[in-house]
């Protein structure tokens, strides 16, 4: 049994056959998808855990860039001392920290949808806020 294995290995190396994968070098192609003119210096950048938003921390505010829409949709005012931003595992939360003040804030991000109901019948005040709560069970 030992001799057969040794002979097989010798034949493999003599004929150039190999069971090892070849190392292949691949080039990378890339392109700029979007250029943003922020009008101010970005201090830090993070993305939401669900990949919907790019959160850009600038002095005094967080710019919320919607990746789906391709535009800055919100500006969240914050203290100018905050200089770092990080996403949390929850898609709707981020933290900002200040290295000079030794401070941390946790910010909850909630999507608010506006519906045009002009001309539709309604009951109650016209400017009343509405909360829609969805209970799901995928089983």
N, C-alpha and C. Protein backbone atom coordinates (compact mmCIF):
# COMPACT_ATOMS: atom_id res chain seq x y z
N UNK A 1 0.83 -1.19 0.00
CA UNK A 1 0.00 0.00 0.00
C UNK A 1 0.87 1.25 0.00
N UNK A 2 1.92 1.25 0.74
CA UNK A 2 2.80 2.39 0.85
C UNK A 2 3.49 2.68 -0.48
N UNK A 3 3.89 1.63 -1.20
CA UNK A 3 4.58 1.81 -2.47
C UNK A 3 3.67 2.42 -3.52
N UNK A 4 2.41 2.03 -3.58
CA UNK A 4 1.48 2.56 -4.55
C UNK A 4 1.27 4.06 -4.34
N UNK A 5 1.13 4.48 -3.12
CA UNK A 5 0.93 5.89 -2.81
C UNK A 5 2.15 6.70 -3.22
N UNK A 6 3.31 6.21 -2.93
CA UNK A 6 4.54 6.90 -3.26
C UNK A 6 4.69 7.01 -4.77
N UNK A 7 4.39 5.98 -5.50
CA UNK A 7 4.49 5.99 -6.96
C UNK A 7 3.48 6.97 -7.55
N UNK A 8 2.29 7.00 -7.02
CA UNK A 8 1.27 7.93 -7.50
C UNK A 8 1.74 9.37 -7.30
N UNK A 9 2.31 9.70 -6.15
CA UNK A 9 2.80 11.04 -5.90
C UNK A 9 3.95 11.39 -6.83
N UNK A 10 4.83 10.46 -7.11
CA UNK A 10 5.94 10.71 -8.03
C UNK A 10 5.40 10.97 -9.42
N UNK A 11 4.41 10.19 -9.89
CA UNK A 11 3.82 10.40 -11.21
C UNK A 11 3.14 11.77 -11.28
N UNK A 12 2.46 12.17 -10.22
CA UNK A 12 1.79 13.46 -10.22
C UNK A 12 2.79 14.58 -10.39
N UNK A 13 3.91 14.56 -9.66
CA UNK A 13 4.89 15.63 -9.75
C UNK A 13 5.67 15.58 -11.06
N UNK A 14 5.90 14.39 -11.63
CA UNK A 14 6.66 14.28 -12.89
C UNK A 14 5.83 14.76 -14.06
N UNK A 15 4.53 14.55 -14.04
CA UNK A 15 3.69 14.93 -15.18
C UNK A 15 3.17 16.35 -15.07
N UNK A 16 3.35 17.00 -13.93
CA UNK A 16 2.88 18.37 -13.77
C UNK A 16 1.47 18.48 -13.23
N UNK A 17 0.85 17.36 -13.00
CA UNK A 17 -0.49 17.42 -12.41
C UNK A 17 -0.35 17.87 -10.97
N UNK A 18 -1.29 18.63 -10.54
CA UNK A 18 -1.26 19.04 -9.15
C UNK A 18 -2.67 19.16 -8.62
N UNK A 19 -2.84 18.87 -7.37
CA UNK A 19 -4.13 18.97 -6.73
C UNK A 19 -4.28 20.29 -5.98
N UNK A 20 -3.25 21.11 -6.01
CA UNK A 20 -3.28 22.38 -5.31
C UNK A 20 -3.81 23.46 -6.23
N UNK A 21 -4.68 24.35 -5.75
CA UNK A 21 -5.20 25.41 -6.61
C UNK A 21 -4.10 26.39 -6.99
N UNK A 22 -4.21 26.90 -8.19
CA UNK A 22 -3.25 27.89 -8.66
C UNK A 22 -3.58 29.25 -8.04
N UNK A 23 -2.57 30.02 -7.74
CA UNK A 23 -2.79 31.36 -7.22
C UNK A 23 -3.05 32.26 -8.42
N UNK A 24 -4.20 32.92 -8.38
CA UNK A 24 -4.62 33.76 -9.49
C UNK A 24 -4.75 35.19 -8.97
N UNK A 25 -4.22 36.13 -9.70
CA UNK A 25 -4.33 37.53 -9.32
C UNK A 25 -5.49 38.14 -10.08
N UNK A 26 -6.38 38.78 -9.36
CA UNK A 26 -7.53 39.42 -9.99
C UNK A 26 -7.41 40.93 -9.84
N UNK A 27 -7.75 41.64 -10.89
CA UNK A 27 -7.80 43.09 -10.80
C UNK A 27 -9.13 43.51 -10.20
N UNK A 28 -9.20 44.74 -9.75
CA UNK A 28 -10.42 45.26 -9.18
C UNK A 28 -10.89 46.43 -10.01
N UNK A 29 -12.16 46.44 -10.32
CA UNK A 29 -12.75 47.57 -11.01
C UNK A 29 -13.55 48.37 -10.00
N UNK A 30 -13.56 49.68 -10.14
CA UNK A 30 -14.31 50.52 -9.22
C UNK A 30 -14.74 51.78 -9.93
N UNK A 31 -15.75 52.43 -9.36
CA UNK A 31 -16.21 53.70 -9.88
C UNK A 31 -16.84 54.49 -8.75
N UNK A 32 -16.78 55.80 -8.85
CA UNK A 32 -17.40 56.68 -7.86
C UNK A 32 -18.90 56.69 -8.14
N UNK A 33 -19.69 56.36 -7.14
CA UNK A 33 -21.14 56.29 -7.30
C UNK A 33 -21.79 57.64 -7.02
N UNK A 34 -21.28 58.35 -6.03
CA UNK A 34 -21.89 59.62 -5.64
C UNK A 34 -20.82 60.52 -5.04
N UNK A 35 -20.80 61.79 -5.44
CA UNK A 35 -19.98 62.81 -4.82
C UNK A 35 -20.89 63.71 -3.99
N UNK A 36 -20.56 63.90 -2.74
CA UNK A 36 -21.36 64.76 -1.87
C UNK A 36 -20.58 66.03 -1.54
N UNK A 37 -21.18 67.17 -1.77
CA UNK A 37 -20.60 68.44 -1.35
C UNK A 37 -21.25 68.79 -0.03
N UNK A 38 -20.54 68.59 1.08
CA UNK A 38 -21.12 68.72 2.40
C UNK A 38 -21.12 70.15 2.92
N UNK A 39 -20.38 71.03 2.35
CA UNK A 39 -20.26 72.43 2.78
C UNK A 39 -19.56 72.57 4.13
N UNK A 40 -19.16 71.49 4.75
CA UNK A 40 -18.44 71.50 6.02
C UNK A 40 -17.58 70.24 6.10
N UNK A 41 -16.66 70.22 7.02
CA UNK A 41 -15.73 69.10 7.14
C UNK A 41 -16.37 67.92 7.88
N UNK A 42 -16.39 66.74 7.28
CA UNK A 42 -16.91 65.57 8.02
C UNK A 42 -15.90 65.12 9.07
N UNK A 43 -16.40 64.82 10.26
CA UNK A 43 -15.53 64.36 11.34
C UNK A 43 -15.46 62.84 11.40
N UNK A 44 -16.59 62.20 11.09
CA UNK A 44 -16.66 60.74 11.15
C UNK A 44 -17.87 60.28 10.34
N UNK A 45 -17.84 59.03 9.91
CA UNK A 45 -18.93 58.46 9.09
C UNK A 45 -19.24 57.07 9.60
N UNK A 46 -20.52 56.73 9.60
CA UNK A 46 -20.96 55.39 9.97
C UNK A 46 -22.19 55.07 9.14
N UNK A 47 -22.48 53.80 8.99
CA UNK A 47 -23.72 53.41 8.30
C UNK A 47 -24.65 52.76 9.30
N UNK A 48 -25.95 52.87 9.05
CA UNK A 48 -26.91 52.21 9.94
C UNK A 48 -26.75 50.70 9.78
N UNK A 49 -27.13 49.97 10.82
CA UNK A 49 -26.95 48.51 10.81
C UNK A 49 -27.74 47.83 9.69
N UNK A 50 -28.85 48.44 9.26
CA UNK A 50 -29.64 47.84 8.19
C UNK A 50 -29.21 48.31 6.79
N UNK A 51 -28.23 49.20 6.72
CA UNK A 51 -27.72 49.65 5.44
C UNK A 51 -28.59 50.68 4.73
N UNK A 52 -29.56 51.27 5.42
CA UNK A 52 -30.44 52.26 4.79
C UNK A 52 -29.80 53.64 4.72
N UNK A 53 -29.06 54.00 5.78
CA UNK A 53 -28.55 55.35 5.91
C UNK A 53 -27.04 55.37 6.07
N UNK A 54 -26.46 56.44 5.58
CA UNK A 54 -25.07 56.78 5.84
C UNK A 54 -25.13 57.98 6.77
N UNK A 55 -24.52 57.88 7.94
CA UNK A 55 -24.58 58.93 8.95
C UNK A 55 -23.25 59.67 8.97
N UNK A 56 -23.28 60.94 8.65
CA UNK A 56 -22.07 61.75 8.52
C UNK A 56 -22.06 62.77 9.65
N UNK A 57 -21.10 62.64 10.56
CA UNK A 57 -20.99 63.57 11.67
C UNK A 57 -20.15 64.77 11.24
N UNK A 58 -20.72 65.94 11.35
CA UNK A 58 -20.03 67.20 11.06
C UNK A 58 -20.09 68.04 12.33
N UNK A 59 -19.31 69.12 12.43
CA UNK A 59 -19.38 69.95 13.64
C UNK A 59 -20.78 70.52 13.84
N UNK A 60 -21.48 70.05 14.86
CA UNK A 60 -22.79 70.57 15.20
C UNK A 60 -23.98 69.84 14.62
N UNK A 61 -23.78 68.86 13.75
CA UNK A 61 -24.94 68.12 13.24
C UNK A 61 -24.54 66.79 12.61
N UNK A 62 -25.53 65.91 12.55
CA UNK A 62 -25.38 64.63 11.85
C UNK A 62 -26.19 64.74 10.56
N UNK A 63 -25.55 64.49 9.43
CA UNK A 63 -26.24 64.46 8.15
C UNK A 63 -26.66 63.03 7.88
N UNK A 64 -27.92 62.81 7.61
CA UNK A 64 -28.44 61.47 7.32
C UNK A 64 -28.61 61.36 5.81
N UNK A 65 -27.77 60.54 5.19
CA UNK A 65 -27.81 60.34 3.75
C UNK A 65 -28.55 59.04 3.47
N UNK A 66 -29.67 59.13 2.74
CA UNK A 66 -30.44 57.95 2.38
C UNK A 66 -29.78 57.26 1.19
N UNK A 67 -29.35 56.03 1.38
CA UNK A 67 -28.70 55.30 0.28
C UNK A 67 -29.70 54.94 -0.81
N UNK A 68 -30.97 54.76 -0.46
CA UNK A 68 -31.99 54.43 -1.45
C UNK A 68 -32.33 55.64 -2.32
N UNK A 69 -32.44 56.81 -1.67
CA UNK A 69 -32.82 58.02 -2.41
C UNK A 69 -31.63 58.76 -3.00
N UNK A 70 -30.44 58.55 -2.41
CA UNK A 70 -29.24 59.21 -2.91
C UNK A 70 -29.13 60.68 -2.53
N UNK A 71 -29.80 61.09 -1.45
CA UNK A 71 -29.76 62.48 -1.00
C UNK A 71 -29.70 62.53 0.52
N UNK A 72 -29.28 63.69 1.03
CA UNK A 72 -29.32 63.92 2.46
C UNK A 72 -30.76 64.24 2.84
N UNK A 73 -31.35 63.40 3.67
CA UNK A 73 -32.76 63.54 4.00
C UNK A 73 -33.00 64.25 5.32
N UNK A 74 -32.05 64.20 6.24
CA UNK A 74 -32.23 64.80 7.56
C UNK A 74 -30.94 65.44 8.04
N UNK A 75 -31.10 66.41 8.91
CA UNK A 75 -29.99 67.04 9.63
C UNK A 75 -30.35 67.04 11.10
N UNK A 76 -29.56 66.32 11.91
CA UNK A 76 -29.83 66.19 13.33
C UNK A 76 -28.85 67.09 14.08
N UNK A 77 -29.34 68.11 14.78
CA UNK A 77 -28.42 68.98 15.52
C UNK A 77 -27.83 68.27 16.74
N UNK A 78 -26.51 68.42 16.93
CA UNK A 78 -25.81 67.86 18.09
C UNK A 78 -24.81 68.90 18.59
N UNK A 79 -24.29 68.67 19.77
CA UNK A 79 -23.27 69.56 20.33
C UNK A 79 -22.02 69.52 19.45
N UNK A 80 -21.36 70.67 19.29
CA UNK A 80 -20.18 70.75 18.41
C UNK A 80 -18.98 69.98 18.94
N UNK A 81 -19.01 69.57 20.22
CA UNK A 81 -17.88 68.84 20.79
C UNK A 81 -17.85 67.37 20.39
N UNK A 82 -18.94 66.83 19.88
CA UNK A 82 -18.95 65.42 19.47
C UNK A 82 -18.14 65.25 18.20
N UNK A 83 -17.22 64.27 18.22
CA UNK A 83 -16.32 64.09 17.09
C UNK A 83 -16.26 62.67 16.55
N UNK A 84 -17.03 61.74 17.12
CA UNK A 84 -17.06 60.36 16.62
C UNK A 84 -18.48 59.83 16.62
N UNK A 85 -18.77 58.98 15.63
CA UNK A 85 -20.10 58.36 15.53
C UNK A 85 -19.92 56.87 15.27
N UNK A 86 -20.81 56.06 15.84
CA UNK A 86 -20.75 54.61 15.63
C UNK A 86 -22.16 54.05 15.64
N UNK A 87 -22.38 53.07 14.78
CA UNK A 87 -23.68 52.38 14.74
C UNK A 87 -23.73 51.32 15.81
N UNK A 88 -24.93 51.05 16.28
CA UNK A 88 -25.16 49.97 17.23
C UNK A 88 -25.78 48.80 16.47
N UNK A 89 -25.82 47.61 17.06
CA UNK A 89 -26.43 46.48 16.36
C UNK A 89 -27.89 46.72 15.97
N UNK A 90 -28.58 47.54 16.74
CA UNK A 90 -29.95 47.91 16.35
C UNK A 90 -29.87 48.90 15.21
N UNK A 91 -30.68 48.72 14.20
CA UNK A 91 -30.64 49.57 13.02
C UNK A 91 -31.06 51.00 13.29
N UNK A 92 -31.79 51.22 14.38
CA UNK A 92 -32.34 52.54 14.64
C UNK A 92 -31.59 53.31 15.73
N UNK A 93 -30.37 52.90 16.07
CA UNK A 93 -29.61 53.58 17.12
C UNK A 93 -28.17 53.81 16.71
N UNK A 94 -27.64 54.98 17.08
CA UNK A 94 -26.23 55.31 16.89
C UNK A 94 -25.72 55.97 18.17
N UNK A 95 -24.41 55.95 18.34
CA UNK A 95 -23.80 56.66 19.45
C UNK A 95 -22.87 57.73 18.89
N UNK A 96 -22.81 58.84 19.59
CA UNK A 96 -21.81 59.86 19.28
C UNK A 96 -21.02 60.11 20.55
N UNK A 97 -19.72 60.34 20.39
CA UNK A 97 -18.86 60.54 21.54
C UNK A 97 -17.99 61.77 21.33
N UNK A 98 -17.55 62.32 22.44
CA UNK A 98 -16.66 63.48 22.43
C UNK A 98 -15.39 63.11 23.17
N UNK A 99 -14.26 63.26 22.52
CA UNK A 99 -13.00 62.95 23.18
C UNK A 99 -12.56 64.09 24.10
N UNK A 100 -13.04 65.31 23.84
CA UNK A 100 -12.64 66.44 24.69
C UNK A 100 -13.51 66.55 25.94
N UNK A 101 -14.81 66.34 25.82
CA UNK A 101 -15.71 66.45 26.97
C UNK A 101 -15.91 65.13 27.70
N UNK A 102 -15.40 64.04 27.15
CA UNK A 102 -15.60 62.70 27.70
C UNK A 102 -17.09 62.43 27.87
N UNK A 103 -17.83 62.62 26.79
CA UNK A 103 -19.29 62.45 26.80
C UNK A 103 -19.71 61.46 25.73
N UNK A 104 -20.86 60.84 25.95
CA UNK A 104 -21.44 59.89 25.00
C UNK A 104 -22.95 60.12 24.96
N UNK A 105 -23.51 60.09 23.76
CA UNK A 105 -24.97 60.16 23.60
C UNK A 105 -25.41 59.00 22.73
N UNK A 106 -26.55 58.43 23.08
CA UNK A 106 -27.18 57.41 22.26
C UNK A 106 -28.37 58.07 21.59
N UNK A 107 -28.43 57.97 20.27
CA UNK A 107 -29.49 58.64 19.50
C UNK A 107 -30.37 57.58 18.86
N UNK A 108 -31.68 57.71 19.06
CA UNK A 108 -32.67 56.82 18.45
C UNK A 108 -33.14 57.46 17.15
N UNK A 109 -33.08 56.73 16.06
CA UNK A 109 -33.52 57.21 14.75
C UNK A 109 -34.84 56.52 14.41
N UNK A 110 -35.86 57.30 14.15
CA UNK A 110 -37.16 56.74 13.79
C UNK A 110 -37.59 57.29 12.44
N UNK A 111 -38.11 56.42 11.60
CA UNK A 111 -38.63 56.85 10.30
C UNK A 111 -40.03 57.42 10.49
N UNK A 112 -40.27 58.56 9.92
CA UNK A 112 -41.59 59.20 9.96
C UNK A 112 -42.05 59.33 8.51
N UNK A 113 -43.20 58.77 8.22
CA UNK A 113 -43.73 58.80 6.86
C UNK A 113 -44.87 59.81 6.79
N UNK A 114 -44.89 60.61 5.77
CA UNK A 114 -45.96 61.60 5.59
C UNK A 114 -46.87 61.13 4.45
N UNK A 115 -48.16 61.19 4.69
CA UNK A 115 -49.14 60.78 3.71
C UNK A 115 -49.99 61.99 3.33
N UNK A 116 -50.25 62.15 2.07
CA UNK A 116 -51.09 63.24 1.61
C UNK A 116 -52.55 62.79 1.73
N UNK A 117 -53.28 63.40 2.66
CA UNK A 117 -54.67 63.04 2.87
C UNK A 117 -55.59 64.20 2.49
N UNK A 118 -55.07 65.14 1.75
CA UNK A 118 -55.90 66.29 1.37
C UNK A 118 -57.07 65.81 0.51
N UNK A 119 -58.25 66.31 0.85
CA UNK A 119 -59.45 65.94 0.11
C UNK A 119 -60.11 64.67 0.60
N UNK A 120 -59.49 63.96 1.54
CA UNK A 120 -60.07 62.72 2.06
C UNK A 120 -60.87 63.03 3.33
N UNK A 121 -61.95 62.29 3.55
CA UNK A 121 -62.75 62.53 4.78
C UNK A 121 -61.96 62.09 6.01
N UNK A 122 -62.13 62.82 7.12
CA UNK A 122 -61.45 62.47 8.35
C UNK A 122 -62.30 62.90 9.53
N UNK A 123 -61.97 62.36 10.69
CA UNK A 123 -62.65 62.73 11.93
C UNK A 123 -61.57 63.16 12.93
N UNK A 124 -61.80 64.26 13.62
CA UNK A 124 -60.84 64.76 14.58
C UNK A 124 -60.04 65.91 14.01
N UNK A 125 -59.05 66.38 14.78
CA UNK A 125 -58.25 67.52 14.32
C UNK A 125 -57.47 67.18 13.05
N UNK A 126 -57.34 68.14 12.18
CA UNK A 126 -56.66 67.92 10.91
C UNK A 126 -55.17 67.65 11.08
N UNK A 127 -54.55 68.22 12.11
CA UNK A 127 -53.11 68.04 12.31
C UNK A 127 -52.78 66.99 13.38
N UNK A 128 -53.70 66.09 13.67
CA UNK A 128 -53.47 65.05 14.68
C UNK A 128 -52.42 64.07 14.19
N UNK A 129 -51.53 63.66 15.10
CA UNK A 129 -50.52 62.67 14.72
C UNK A 129 -51.13 61.27 14.83
N UNK A 130 -50.66 60.38 14.01
CA UNK A 130 -51.18 59.02 13.96
C UNK A 130 -50.01 58.06 14.13
N UNK A 131 -50.16 57.08 15.00
CA UNK A 131 -49.15 56.04 15.18
C UNK A 131 -49.71 54.74 14.65
N UNK A 132 -49.00 54.11 13.75
CA UNK A 132 -49.41 52.82 13.20
C UNK A 132 -48.48 51.77 13.80
N UNK A 133 -49.06 50.81 14.50
CA UNK A 133 -48.28 49.76 15.14
C UNK A 133 -48.57 48.46 14.42
N UNK A 134 -47.53 47.75 14.02
CA UNK A 134 -47.69 46.49 13.29
C UNK A 134 -47.16 45.35 14.16
N UNK A 135 -47.99 44.33 14.36
CA UNK A 135 -47.57 43.12 15.05
C UNK A 135 -47.46 42.03 14.01
N UNK A 136 -46.28 41.48 13.83
CA UNK A 136 -46.04 40.45 12.79
C UNK A 136 -45.70 39.13 13.43
N UNK A 137 -46.05 38.06 12.71
CA UNK A 137 -45.63 36.72 13.09
C UNK A 137 -45.39 35.97 11.78
N UNK A 138 -44.13 35.69 11.47
CA UNK A 138 -43.80 35.06 10.20
C UNK A 138 -43.87 33.53 10.25
N UNK A 139 -44.38 32.97 11.33
CA UNK A 139 -44.41 31.51 11.42
C UNK A 139 -45.74 30.98 10.97
